[in-house]
Amino acid sequence: MQLTNNTLFITGGASGIGRGLAEAFHKLGNKVIIAGRRKALLDEVIAANPGMEGLELDINDPESIDKVAKTLISRHPSLNVLINNAGIMPFDDAAGHIDEATMIGTITTNLMGPIRLTSALIEHLKSQPRAVIINNTSVLAFVPLAGNAVYSATKAALHSYSLSQRFTLRDSSVTVQEIAPPWVNTDLVHKGDDPRAMPLDAFIEETMLGLATDVPEVIVEAIRPLRDNPGSQEHALIHGFNQSLVDNPIPVG
């Protein structure tokens, strides 16, 4: 994608990867609008980045999505980049009871939210000379983390949706790129000093370099072996990946 002269809308833009991307694009002179549920966090990011704007958005609420989409198109007719970044990552137990509210919330936020928001903005994006949809999935779309089974499944589903979306938009002005982050040192699960977590600034730097190309899928080199899993032999890879985390658990709290 072209990294300059854009008007971007980023969900979940008040923290973590979303804020990192928002600030990276802002520094390049783009018009950046961030969205989130917590106004205080939005205001904090905007205060630190003069010229950036914020909109309150409940990605779980279709009415909130429709309202924000209409506001965006009215206030920012040049809008040409949508970054579907908002997500939640609760732990679960696929070998036991899955809490109904947690399951529905995860699926609604991580999968239905991006689909609904893109649907609300797609005709406007198609009217632009050039436009980009960026879907933030995860390396767990390809190698699921057993302790976050529902989250991993939503990211696999969003990856699949991105593949279909890219094909159906092939004759339009809209391109689709996917970001598949590794474990990044943010507060999505636990922010700490675990050496297995990639520093946020390093992730953003490498990801921006990838987005500057026309590759459909942007991954950092550290996770390429997991992305290039061995197909029908993936069961052993996934078992080994999860066993390594059982032996060396992710710290929580």
C-alpha atoms as a PDB file:
ATOM      1  CA  MET A   1       0.000   0.000   0.000  1.00  0.00           C
ATOM      2  CA  GLN A   2       0.976   3.606  -0.255  1.00  0.00           C
ATOM      3  CA  LEU A   3       1.977   4.786   3.209  1.00  0.00           C
ATOM      4  CA  THR A   4       1.294   8.504   2.688  1.00  0.00           C
ATOM      5  CA  ASN A   5      -1.612  10.740   1.638  1.00  0.00           C
ATOM      6  CA  ASN A   6      -4.206   8.537   3.278  1.00  0.00           C
ATOM      7  CA  THR A   7      -7.176   9.031   5.564  1.00  0.00           C
ATOM      8  CA  LEU A   8      -7.186   6.059   7.922  1.00  0.00           C
ATOM      9  CA  PHE A   9      -9.661   4.675  10.420  1.00  0.00           C
ATOM     10  CA  ILE A  10      -8.221   2.280  13.017  1.00  0.00           C
ATOM     11  CA  THR A  11     -10.348   0.342  15.488  1.00  0.00           C
ATOM     12  CA  GLY A  12      -8.803  -0.406  18.849  1.00  0.00           C
ATOM     13  CA  GLY A  13      -6.484   2.506  18.205  1.00  0.00           C
ATOM     14  CA  ALA A  14      -6.060   3.680  21.785  1.00  0.00           C
ATOM     15  CA  SER A  15      -3.630   0.990  22.937  1.00  0.00           C
ATOM     16  CA  GLY A  16      -1.246  -1.754  21.896  1.00  0.00           C
ATOM     17  CA  ILE A  17      -0.761  -2.561  18.229  1.00  0.00           C
ATOM     18  CA  GLY A  18      -3.600  -0.234  17.219  1.00  0.00           C
ATOM     19  CA  ARG A  19      -1.983   2.766  18.860  1.00  0.00           C
ATOM     20  CA  GLY A  20       1.409   1.786  17.463  1.00  0.00           C
ATOM     21  CA  LEU A  21       0.063   1.677  13.922  1.00  0.00           C
ATOM     22  CA  ALA A  22      -1.942   4.871  14.406  1.00  0.00           C
ATOM     23  CA  GLU A  23       1.109   6.792  15.557  1.00  0.00           C
ATOM     24  CA  ALA A  24       3.309   5.362  12.813  1.00  0.00           C
ATOM     25  CA  PHE A  25       0.877   6.467  10.107  1.00  0.00           C
ATOM     26  CA  HIS A  26       0.344   9.812  11.856  1.00  0.00           C
ATOM     27  CA  LYS A  27       4.089  10.513  11.819  1.00  0.00           C
ATOM     28  CA  LEU A  28       4.049   9.988   8.050  1.00  0.00           C
ATOM     29  CA  GLY A  29       1.541  12.819   7.667  1.00  0.00           C
ATOM     30  CA  ASN A  30      -1.612  10.773   7.153  1.00  0.00           C
ATOM     31  CA  LYS A  31      -4.978  11.802   8.576  1.00  0.00           C
ATOM     32  CA  VAL A  32      -5.642   9.253  11.314  1.00  0.00           C
ATOM     33  CA  ILE A  33      -8.925   8.615  13.118  1.00  0.00           C
ATOM     34  CA  ILE A  34      -8.835   6.101  15.962  1.00  0.00           C
ATOM     35  CA  ALA A  35     -11.758   4.306  17.552  1.00  0.00           C
ATOM     36  CA  GLY A  36     -12.381   2.578  20.858  1.00  0.00           C
ATOM     37  CA  ARG A  37     -14.883   2.208  23.664  1.00  0.00           C
ATOM     38  CA  ARG A  38     -12.965   4.164  26.294  1.00  0.00           C
ATOM     39  CA  LYS A  39     -13.087   7.915  25.660  1.00  0.00           C
ATOM     40  CA  ALA A  40     -10.405   8.664  28.259  1.00  0.00           C
ATOM     41  CA  LEU A  41      -7.879   6.501  26.410  1.00  0.00           C
ATOM     42  CA  LEU A  42      -8.827   8.016  23.058  1.00  0.00           C
ATOM     43  CA  ASP A  43      -8.346  11.503  24.500  1.00  0.00           C
ATOM     44  CA  GLU A  44      -4.937  10.517  25.875  1.00  0.00           C
ATOM     45  CA  VAL A  45      -3.693   9.317  22.486  1.00  0.00           C
ATOM     46  CA  ILE A  46      -5.100  12.359  20.688  1.00  0.00           C
ATOM     47  CA  ALA A  47      -3.456  14.717  23.187  1.00  0.00           C
ATOM     48  CA  ALA A  48      -0.120  13.026  22.521  1.00  0.00           C
ATOM     49  CA  ASN A  49      -0.625  13.232  18.741  1.00  0.00           C
ATOM     50  CA  PRO A  50      -2.021  16.636  17.710  1.00  0.00           C
ATOM     51  CA  GLY A  51      -4.149  16.377  14.589  1.00  0.00           C
ATOM     52  CA  MET A  52      -5.280  12.837  15.256  1.00  0.00           C
ATOM     53  CA  GLU A  53      -9.009  12.352  15.893  1.00  0.00           C
ATOM     54  CA  GLY A  54     -11.021   9.845  17.896  1.00  0.00           C
ATOM     55  CA  LEU A  55     -14.477   8.317  17.729  1.00  0.00           C
ATOM     56  CA  GLU A  56     -16.163   6.241  20.393  1.00  0.00           C
ATOM     57  CA  LEU A  57     -17.146   2.875  18.933  1.00  0.00           C
ATOM     58  CA  ASP A  58     -18.608  -0.288  20.404  1.00  0.00           C
ATOM     59  CA  ILE A  59     -17.509  -2.864  17.858  1.00  0.00           C
ATOM     60  CA  ASN A  60     -20.033  -5.325  19.342  1.00  0.00           C
ATOM     61  CA  ASP A  61     -23.003  -3.071  18.574  1.00  0.00           C
ATOM     62  CA  PRO A  62     -24.319  -2.931  14.968  1.00  0.00           C
ATOM     63  CA  GLU A  63     -26.023   0.396  15.651  1.00  0.00           C
ATOM     64  CA  SER A  64     -22.773   1.920  16.944  1.00  0.00           C
ATOM     65  CA  ILE A  65     -20.970   0.638  13.845  1.00  0.00           C
ATOM     66  CA  ASP A  66     -23.553   2.120  11.492  1.00  0.00           C
ATOM     67  CA  LYS A  67     -23.501   5.463  13.323  1.00  0.00           C
ATOM     68  CA  VAL A  68     -19.715   5.702  13.243  1.00  0.00           C
ATOM     69  CA  ALA A  69     -19.591   4.678   9.576  1.00  0.00           C
ATOM     70  CA  LYS A  70     -22.008   7.463   8.644  1.00  0.00           C
ATOM     71  CA  THR A  71     -20.039   9.967  10.724  1.00  0.00           C
ATOM     72  CA  LEU A  72     -16.780   8.934   9.082  1.00  0.00           C
ATOM     73  CA  ILE A  73     -18.129   9.272   5.557  1.00  0.00           C
ATOM     74  CA  SER A  74     -19.684  12.659   6.373  1.00  0.00           C
ATOM     75  CA  ARG A  75     -16.660  14.150   8.153  1.00  0.00           C
ATOM     76  CA  HIS A  76     -13.923  12.456   6.171  1.00  0.00           C
ATOM     77  CA  PRO A  77     -15.017  11.887   2.565  1.00  0.00           C
ATOM     78  CA  SER A  78     -11.402  11.089   1.674  1.00  0.00           C
ATOM     79  CA  LEU A  79     -11.411   8.012   3.948  1.00  0.00           C
ATOM     80  CA  ASN A  80      -9.562   5.296   2.031  1.00  0.00           C
ATOM     81  CA  VAL A  81      -7.940   2.977   4.606  1.00  0.00           C
ATOM     82  CA  LEU A  82      -9.731   0.809   7.148  1.00  0.00           C
ATOM     83  CA  ILE A  83      -7.674  -1.080   9.725  1.00  0.00           C
ATOM     84  CA  ASN A  84      -9.744  -3.702  11.555  1.00  0.00           C
ATOM     85  CA  ASN A  85      -7.577  -4.027  14.649  1.00  0.00           C
ATOM     86  CA  ALA A  86      -9.867  -4.214  17.701  1.00  0.00           C
ATOM     87  CA  GLY A  87      -9.846  -7.571  19.444  1.00  0.00           C
ATOM     88  CA  ILE A  88     -10.040  -9.388  22.770  1.00  0.00           C
ATOM     89  CA  MET A  89      -8.163 -12.508  23.876  1.00  0.00           C
ATOM     90  CA  PRO A  90      -9.746 -14.231  26.879  1.00  0.00           C
ATOM     91  CA  PHE A  91      -8.448 -17.582  28.063  1.00  0.00           C
ATOM     92  CA  ASP A  92     -10.730 -20.611  27.817  1.00  0.00           C
ATOM     93  CA  ASP A  93     -10.701 -24.387  28.211  1.00  0.00           C
ATOM     94  CA  ALA A  94     -11.734 -26.376  25.160  1.00  0.00           C
ATOM     95  CA  ALA A  95     -11.636 -29.495  27.352  1.00  0.00           C
ATOM     96  CA  GLY A  96     -14.220 -28.043  29.721  1.00  0.00           C
ATOM     97  CA  HIS A  97     -17.098 -25.615  29.968  1.00  0.00           C
ATOM     98  CA  ILE A  98     -16.870 -22.548  27.726  1.00  0.00           C
ATOM     99  CA  ASP A  99     -18.555 -19.516  29.232  1.00  0.00           C
ATOM    100  CA  GLU A 100     -21.352 -18.446  26.910  1.00  0.00           C
ATOM    101  CA  ALA A 101     -20.925 -14.700  27.323  1.00  0.00           C
ATOM    102  CA  THR A 102     -17.163 -14.880  26.851  1.00  0.00           C
ATOM    103  CA  MET A 103     -17.526 -17.031  23.724  1.00  0.00           C
ATOM    104  CA  ILE A 104     -20.110 -14.741  22.128  1.00  0.00           C
ATOM    105  CA  GLY A 105     -18.150 -11.630  23.066  1.00  0.00           C
ATOM    106  CA  THR A 106     -14.959 -12.983  21.518  1.00  0.00           C
ATOM    107  CA  ILE A 107     -16.632 -14.025  18.278  1.00  0.00           C
ATOM    108  CA  THR A 108     -18.590 -10.774  18.032  1.00  0.00           C
ATOM    109  CA  THR A 109     -15.573  -8.553  18.677  1.00  0.00           C
ATOM    110  CA  ASN A 110     -12.938 -10.408  16.673  1.00  0.00           C
ATOM    111  CA  LEU A 111     -14.923 -11.654  13.688  1.00  0.00           C
ATOM    112  CA  MET A 112     -18.376 -10.125  13.371  1.00  0.00           C
ATOM    113  CA  GLY A 113     -17.101  -6.640  14.227  1.00  0.00           C
ATOM    114  CA  PRO A 114     -14.625  -6.428  11.327  1.00  0.00           C
ATOM    115  CA  ILE A 115     -17.169  -7.935   8.924  1.00  0.00           C
ATOM    116  CA  ARG A 116     -19.888  -5.506   9.986  1.00  0.00           C
ATOM    117  CA  LEU A 117     -17.635  -2.446   9.897  1.00  0.00           C
ATOM    118  CA  THR A 118     -16.181  -3.314   6.513  1.00  0.00           C
ATOM    119  CA  SER A 119     -19.673  -3.930   5.182  1.00  0.00           C
ATOM    120  CA  ALA A 120     -20.774  -0.506   6.420  1.00  0.00           C
ATOM    121  CA  LEU A 121     -17.844   1.234   4.687  1.00  0.00           C
ATOM    122  CA  ILE A 122     -17.204  -0.910   1.622  1.00  0.00           C
ATOM    123  CA  GLU A 123     -19.195   1.082  -0.929  1.00  0.00           C
ATOM    124  CA  HIS A 124     -17.463   4.269   0.166  1.00  0.00           C
ATOM    125  CA  LEU A 125     -14.058   2.594  -0.052  1.00  0.00           C
ATOM    126  CA  LYS A 126     -14.857   1.278  -3.527  1.00  0.00           C
ATOM    127  CA  SER A 127     -15.616   4.831  -4.640  1.00  0.00           C
ATOM    128  CA  GLN A 128     -12.064   5.958  -3.846  1.00  0.00           C
ATOM    129  CA  PRO A 129      -9.315   5.948  -6.493  1.00  0.00           C
ATOM    130  CA  ARG A 130      -7.313   3.661  -4.189  1.00  0.00           C
ATOM    131  CA  ALA A 131      -8.305   2.087  -0.900  1.00  0.00           C
ATOM    132  CA  VAL A 132      -7.014  -0.569   1.482  1.00  0.00           C
ATOM    133  CA  ILE A 133      -8.611  -2.846   4.043  1.00  0.00           C
ATOM    134  CA  ILE A 134      -6.166  -4.191   6.620  1.00  0.00           C
ATOM    135  CA  ASN A 135      -7.374  -7.050   8.794  1.00  0.00           C
ATOM    136  CA  ASN A 136      -5.372  -7.792  11.927  1.00  0.00           C
ATOM    137  CA  THR A 137      -5.435 -11.536  12.528  1.00  0.00           C
ATOM    138  CA  SER A 138      -2.672 -13.447  14.362  1.00  0.00           C
ATOM    139  CA  VAL A 139      -0.084 -16.168  13.984  1.00  0.00           C
ATOM    140  CA  LEU A 140      -2.637 -18.124  16.029  1.00  0.00           C
ATOM    141  CA  ALA A 141      -4.829 -18.169  12.928  1.00  0.00           C
ATOM    142  CA  PHE A 142      -2.364 -20.738  11.597  1.00  0.00           C
ATOM    143  CA  VAL A 143      -1.074 -22.387  14.775  1.00  0.00           C
ATOM    144  CA  PRO A 144      -3.818 -22.191  17.422  1.00  0.00           C
ATOM    145  CA  LEU A 145      -3.042 -21.657  21.087  1.00  0.00           C
ATOM    146  CA  ALA A 146      -5.012 -24.293  22.984  1.00  0.00           C
ATOM    147  CA  GLY A 147      -5.562 -22.075  26.015  1.00  0.00           C
ATOM    148  CA  ASN A 148      -7.233 -19.461  23.788  1.00  0.00           C
ATOM    149  CA  ALA A 149      -9.169 -21.794  21.528  1.00  0.00           C
ATOM    150  CA  VAL A 150     -12.054 -19.457  20.704  1.00  0.00           C
ATOM    151  CA  TYR A 151      -9.735 -16.516  20.056  1.00  0.00           C
ATOM    152  CA  SER A 152      -7.552 -18.641  17.782  1.00  0.00           C
ATOM    153  CA  ALA A 153     -10.645 -19.839  15.903  1.00  0.00           C
ATOM    154  CA  THR A 154     -11.864 -16.258  15.332  1.00  0.00           C
ATOM    155  CA  LYS A 155      -8.498 -15.277  13.897  1.00  0.00           C
ATOM    156  CA  ALA A 156      -8.483 -18.309  11.606  1.00  0.00           C
ATOM    157  CA  ALA A 157     -11.957 -17.310  10.457  1.00  0.00           C
ATOM    158  CA  LEU A 158     -10.911 -13.694   9.813  1.00  0.00           C
ATOM    159  CA  HIS A 159      -7.928 -14.967   7.803  1.00  0.00           C
ATOM    160  CA  SER A 160     -10.318 -17.071   5.710  1.00  0.00           C
ATOM    161  CA  TYR A 161     -12.661 -14.112   5.272  1.00  0.00           C
ATOM    162  CA  SER A 162      -9.737 -11.948   4.148  1.00  0.00           C
ATOM    163  CA  LEU A 163      -8.860 -14.473   1.452  1.00  0.00           C
ATOM    164  CA  SER A 164     -12.411 -14.379   0.093  1.00  0.00           C
ATOM    165  CA  GLN A 165     -12.643 -10.612   0.427  1.00  0.00           C
ATOM    166  CA  ARG A 166      -9.387 -10.108  -1.460  1.00  0.00           C
ATOM    167  CA  PHE A 167     -10.629 -12.228  -4.346  1.00  0.00           C
ATOM    168  CA  THR A 168     -14.048 -10.596  -4.581  1.00  0.00           C
ATOM    169  CA  LEU A 169     -12.479  -7.117  -4.621  1.00  0.00           C
ATOM    170  CA  ARG A 170      -9.902  -8.068  -7.261  1.00  0.00           C
ATOM    171  CA  ASP A 171     -11.468  -5.872  -9.962  1.00  0.00           C
ATOM    172  CA  SER A 172     -12.041  -2.865  -7.688  1.00  0.00           C
ATOM    173  CA  SER A 173      -9.825  -0.075  -6.372  1.00  0.00           C
ATOM    174  CA  VAL A 174      -9.738  -1.771  -2.953  1.00  0.00           C
ATOM    175  CA  THR A 175      -6.902  -4.063  -1.933  1.00  0.00           C
ATOM    176  CA  VAL A 176      -6.866  -6.282   1.153  1.00  0.00           C
ATOM    177  CA  GLN A 177      -3.829  -6.802   3.340  1.00  0.00           C
ATOM    178  CA  GLU A 178      -3.616  -8.978   6.425  1.00  0.00           C
ATOM    179  CA  ILE A 179      -1.391  -8.452   9.445  1.00  0.00           C
ATOM    180  CA  ALA A 180      -0.645 -11.622  11.428  1.00  0.00           C
ATOM    181  CA  PRO A 181       1.216 -10.570  14.582  1.00  0.00           C
ATOM    182  CA  PRO A 182       3.249 -12.855  16.809  1.00  0.00           C
ATOM    183  CA  TRP A 183       3.138 -12.524  20.586  1.00  0.00           C
ATOM    184  CA  VAL A 184       3.768  -8.785  20.964  1.00  0.00           C
ATOM    185  CA  ASN A 185       4.512  -7.102  24.275  1.00  0.00           C
ATOM    186  CA  THR A 186       1.159  -5.356  24.772  1.00  0.00           C
ATOM    187  CA  ASP A 187      -1.592  -5.592  27.362  1.00  0.00           C
ATOM    188  CA  LEU A 188      -3.760  -7.855  25.168  1.00  0.00           C
ATOM    189  CA  VAL A 189      -2.801 -10.772  27.421  1.00  0.00           C
ATOM    190  CA  HIS A 190      -0.007  -9.670  29.742  1.00  0.00           C
ATOM    191  CA  LYS A 191       2.475  -6.863  29.283  1.00  0.00           C
ATOM    192  CA  GLY A 192       5.817  -7.740  30.828  1.00  0.00           C
ATOM    193  CA  ASP A 193       9.414  -8.546  30.095  1.00  0.00           C
ATOM    194  CA  ASP A 194       9.019 -12.083  28.770  1.00  0.00           C
ATOM    195  CA  PRO A 195      11.756 -12.466  26.113  1.00  0.00           C
ATOM    196  CA  ARG A 196       9.384 -14.483  23.922  1.00  0.00           C
ATOM    197  CA  ALA A 197       7.220 -11.393  23.332  1.00  0.00           C
ATOM    198  CA  MET A 198       8.308  -9.134  20.473  1.00  0.00           C
ATOM    199  CA  PRO A 199       8.785  -5.479  21.520  1.00  0.00           C
ATOM    200  CA  LEU A 200       5.974  -3.331  20.179  1.00  0.00           C
ATOM    201  CA  ASP A 201       8.245  -0.789  18.491  1.00  0.00           C
ATOM    202  CA  ALA A 202      10.151  -3.534  16.654  1.00  0.00           C
ATOM    203  CA  PHE A 203       6.892  -5.121  15.535  1.00  0.00           C
ATOM    204  CA  ILE A 204       5.492  -1.827  14.240  1.00  0.00           C
ATOM    205  CA  GLU A 205       8.701  -1.014  12.377  1.00  0.00           C
ATOM    206  CA  GLU A 206       8.831  -4.386  10.600  1.00  0.00           C
ATOM    207  CA  THR A 207       5.095  -4.351   9.911  1.00  0.00           C
ATOM    208  CA  MET A 208       5.175  -0.888   8.343  1.00  0.00           C
ATOM    209  CA  LEU A 209       7.917  -2.090   6.003  1.00  0.00           C
ATOM    210  CA  GLY A 210       5.688  -4.981   4.993  1.00  0.00           C
ATOM    211  CA  LEU A 211       2.634  -2.787   4.504  1.00  0.00           C
ATOM    212  CA  ALA A 212       4.669  -0.576   2.165  1.00  0.00           C
ATOM    213  CA  THR A 213       4.753  -3.478  -0.298  1.00  0.00           C
ATOM    214  CA  ASP A 214       1.939  -5.149  -2.182  1.00  0.00           C
ATOM    215  CA  VAL A 215       2.160  -8.436  -0.263  1.00  0.00           C
ATOM    216  CA  PRO A 216      -1.283  -9.666   0.745  1.00  0.00           C
ATOM    217  CA  GLU A 217      -0.076 -10.990   4.110  1.00  0.00           C
ATOM    218  CA  VAL A 218       2.342  -9.120   6.364  1.00  0.00           C
ATOM    219  CA  ILE A 219       4.199 -11.236   8.905  1.00  0.00           C
ATOM    220  CA  VAL A 220       7.406 -10.642  10.808  1.00  0.00           C
ATOM    221  CA  GLU A 221      10.265 -12.981   9.991  1.00  0.00           C
ATOM    222  CA  ALA A 222      10.338 -14.426  13.509  1.00  0.00           C
ATOM    223  CA  ILE A 223       7.064 -16.289  12.939  1.00  0.00           C
ATOM    224  CA  ARG A 224       7.597 -17.447   9.373  1.00  0.00           C
ATOM    225  CA  PRO A 225       8.308 -21.058  10.475  1.00  0.00           C
ATOM    226  CA  LEU A 226       4.943 -21.116  12.264  1.00  0.00           C
ATOM    227  CA  ARG A 227       3.160 -19.517   9.305  1.00  0.00           C
ATOM    228  CA  ASP A 228       4.691 -22.054   6.927  1.00  0.00           C
ATOM    229  CA  ASN A 229       3.289 -24.991   8.875  1.00  0.00           C
ATOM    230  CA  PRO A 230       3.609 -28.447   7.313  1.00  0.00           C
ATOM    231  CA  GLY A 231       0.050 -28.863   6.023  1.00  0.00           C
ATOM    232  CA  SER A 232      -1.313 -32.304   6.729  1.00  0.00           C
ATOM    233  CA  GLN A 233       1.474 -32.794   9.258  1.00  0.00           C
ATOM    234  CA  GLU A 234       0.437 -29.740  11.275  1.00  0.00           C
ATOM    235  CA  HIS A 235      -0.894 -31.770  14.186  1.00  0.00           C
ATOM    236  CA  ALA A 236       2.587 -32.538  15.497  1.00  0.00           C
ATOM    237  CA  LEU A 237       3.643 -28.908  15.043  1.00  0.00           C
ATOM    238  CA  ILE A 238       0.617 -27.591  16.927  1.00  0.00           C
ATOM    239  CA  HIS A 239       0.997 -30.187  19.683  1.00  0.00           C
ATOM    240  CA  GLY A 240       4.652 -29.266  20.138  1.00  0.00           C
ATOM    241  CA  PHE A 241       3.908 -25.530  20.056  1.00  0.00           C
ATOM    242  CA  ASN A 242       1.283 -25.836  22.783  1.00  0.00           C
ATOM    243  CA  GLN A 243       3.347 -28.254  24.854  1.00  0.00           C
ATOM    244  CA  SER A 244       6.183 -25.704  24.905  1.00  0.00           C
ATOM    245  CA  LEU A 245       3.790 -23.172  26.415  1.00  0.00           C
ATOM    246  CA  VAL A 246       2.536 -25.703  28.961  1.00  0.00           C
ATOM    247  CA  ASP A 247       6.134 -26.321  29.979  1.00  0.00           C
ATOM    248  CA  ASN A 248       6.901 -22.579  30.037  1.00  0.00           C
ATOM    249  CA  PRO A 249       3.560 -20.842  30.671  1.00  0.00           C
ATOM    250  CA  ILE A 250       2.765 -17.258  29.780  1.00  0.00           C
ATOM    251  CA  PRO A 251       2.763 -15.217  33.023  1.00  0.00           C
ATOM    252  CA  VAL A 252      -0.612 -13.702  33.881  1.00  0.00           C
ATOM    253  CA  GLY A 253      -1.387 -11.060  36.449  1.00  0.00           C
END
